[in-house]
Amino acid sequence: MKPVKDTFTGSMFRRLFVPAVLSAVGLALSDMADAIVVGRRMGEVGLAAIGMSLPLYMAFNVCMHGFGIGGSVRYAKLLSEGDREGALASFNRVLRASLALSVLIALAVNLFPALFLRLMGTTPDDGELYAATMAYVRIIALGAPLFFLNYILNYYLRNDDGAKIASIGFLIGNIVDILLNVVFVVALGMGTDWTYPLRMARATMYFMTRYSTLIGLAVSIACYMPALLSRRCILKISFKPLRQEWRQTFGLFRSGFSTSSQYLWQMVFLLVANHTLITHLGSQGVAVFDMVQNASYMVMYLYDAAAKALQPLASTFCGEKNRPAALYARRVALISGLAVGLVAVLLIAAFPQAVCAVFGLNEADTLRIAVQALRAYCAGASFAGVSVILESYYQSVEEEKSAFVIALLRGCIVLIPATLLLGVFAPHAFWYVFVITEVLSLVLFALWKRRARPEANDLDASRVYGCTIRSRADDIGALTQAISDFCDRFSANARQKYFVTMSAEEISLAIIDGGFVGRDDGVIQLTLIALENGEFELHIRDNATSFDPFSLNTVKVGEGDFDMDAMGIMVVKQRSKYFFYRRYQGFNSLVVRI
């Protein structure tokens, strides 16, 4: 058979990418809203209080993304292998463990706030700053369960064919957060009424900005509920007793930590950078640094959108042992992510003064430094985008070491020394730490990857056979012969070889006859895996309208219509160890183990 171009991966990626970009824009605006509103209204103390709370955010991110990434990768792989019950059990274990952890964090911070604030760098001697940070941090901590629930459900919905509702819910929640910030602080002037004592006014403002964030999180979660309650959604929250299996659950967190560790390194970087800048450039340097960090959200979240769109596909193809499709998805993600990210980079580089004005940096000296800083950041942003997408890919295909090395290089090994060296010996050129870190990290990773041993995969590539056929029945003969030869290579007995070949033939014919009626653009993608236990696993994907050969033909036989095609499907059902069908990203996916 002639090779057929992959017609599935690009379309599946677009269905995930478009809502992910919308969600990314909403999240970027939401994250910038607090800094813009508080900074323009309250000045240096307001921005300082937000900065003081960042370590707690980083702690949230390490846990949320660790559980969310590690758990959802496993969930997608189990579904691609047809293990629906195992996937649901794994999800509910991760959800319960993460929520329990979030409650512990909320209690600890609110029972011992002074201890946590001291760790963050502020004491009662700081007066207004201490009071404002106290109000800010306590409310963030109380909302920990909402943060955890929102992000983990979002990760899992993306891996359950719910990318659209996940992105829409996330976007609506962020829009609500932004609007409430504007209503509470800008329109109603809450926290800015100076007839109140100064400390009370500022504490009220921080309460309102955080209160709007928690409402936004609750709105997002409410938006997810219809999908979780619908019959077409496999993902379900269970309240039944479930053996927790802590070792396995935290094993998933360790897997996700190879990516979420970046937030740990980011926390260290923020502390080092703030201390360095305030020593050498004063509050002006810290203000510019905070502005660059906030402006970077619009760029990095777009790259992250490509990474999030890639992850469910790469995890699914990894479960199917379809390496060519996974690599193609990576290429599409790199092209798409860099394209949208470059638009944001060029806008920032072309209009840096406008960006500075948004954050209230208008003085001539500060503006000069800020423009230089923004353009230095933009020079390295595309390299950062490549690293983010590659990190997501390696995490998704269970090459955790590669993902961890990228995160470690960008977040620690290159970043921290570069920060210290520039901060001490060339503080006025500090902003080039961004481009130096991203370029050097990518070069070092490429060198390491070339010399490193390949990471152990679940299965030897020689045990996988893949092909794609058109909707013409005359391709079936060549397909069955190729599958028969593949079975012979792995010493399948005559009976097993017959049923493997029969399954591929009967299911393909059923799809052609029942799913491609009146169409000549039908495509069927088959992947056959020779498992090490002697069994064979068949994965079939097609672009027909919603069509499950097993359910349709079973009904047909049960009604007494002894059509030979239906009889063939019935035999496949009886002889298979298990079978699983789902509609995923606009295509039919079927798994059969024989």
Foldseek 3Di string as FASTA:
>chain_A
DDFDDDPPLVLLLVLQQPLLLLLLQLVLCLVVLQLLLQCVQPNPLSNVLVLLQLVVVLVLLLLLQLLQLLLQLVLLLCVLQVNLVVSQLSLQLSLVVSLVVLVVQLVVCVVPVQVSSVVSPDHCVVPLSVLQNSLLNNLVSVLSSLSNVLSNLLSNCLLQQNSNLSSVLSSQLSVQLNVQLCVQCVVVNQLNPVVDPNSVSSNRNSNSSSVSNSSSSVSSSVSCVVLQPDPQGSHHHDPDDHDNPVVVSVVSSVLSSLQSVLSVLVVVLSVLLVVLCCVPPNPLSVLLVVLLVSLCSSLVSLLVSLLSSLQSQLSSCLSLVNVVSNVVSLVSSLVRSLVVSVVSLVVCLVCVVVSCVSSPNDDPVSSVLNNLLSNLLSLQSSLVSNLSNVLSNCSSNSVSVLNNLLSCQLRPPQLPVLQVCCSVPPVSNNSNSNNRSSVVSVVVSVVCVVPDDDDDGPDDSLQKDKGKDWLDLVVLVVVLVVQLVSLVVVPQDPVQNVLVSLVVNLVSPLCSVPFQVPHRGKMKIWMWGCDPVRKIKIKIKIQGADDDSQVVLVVVVVVPNPDPSSVSSVVSCVPWPDKHWHQHSNMIMIMTMD
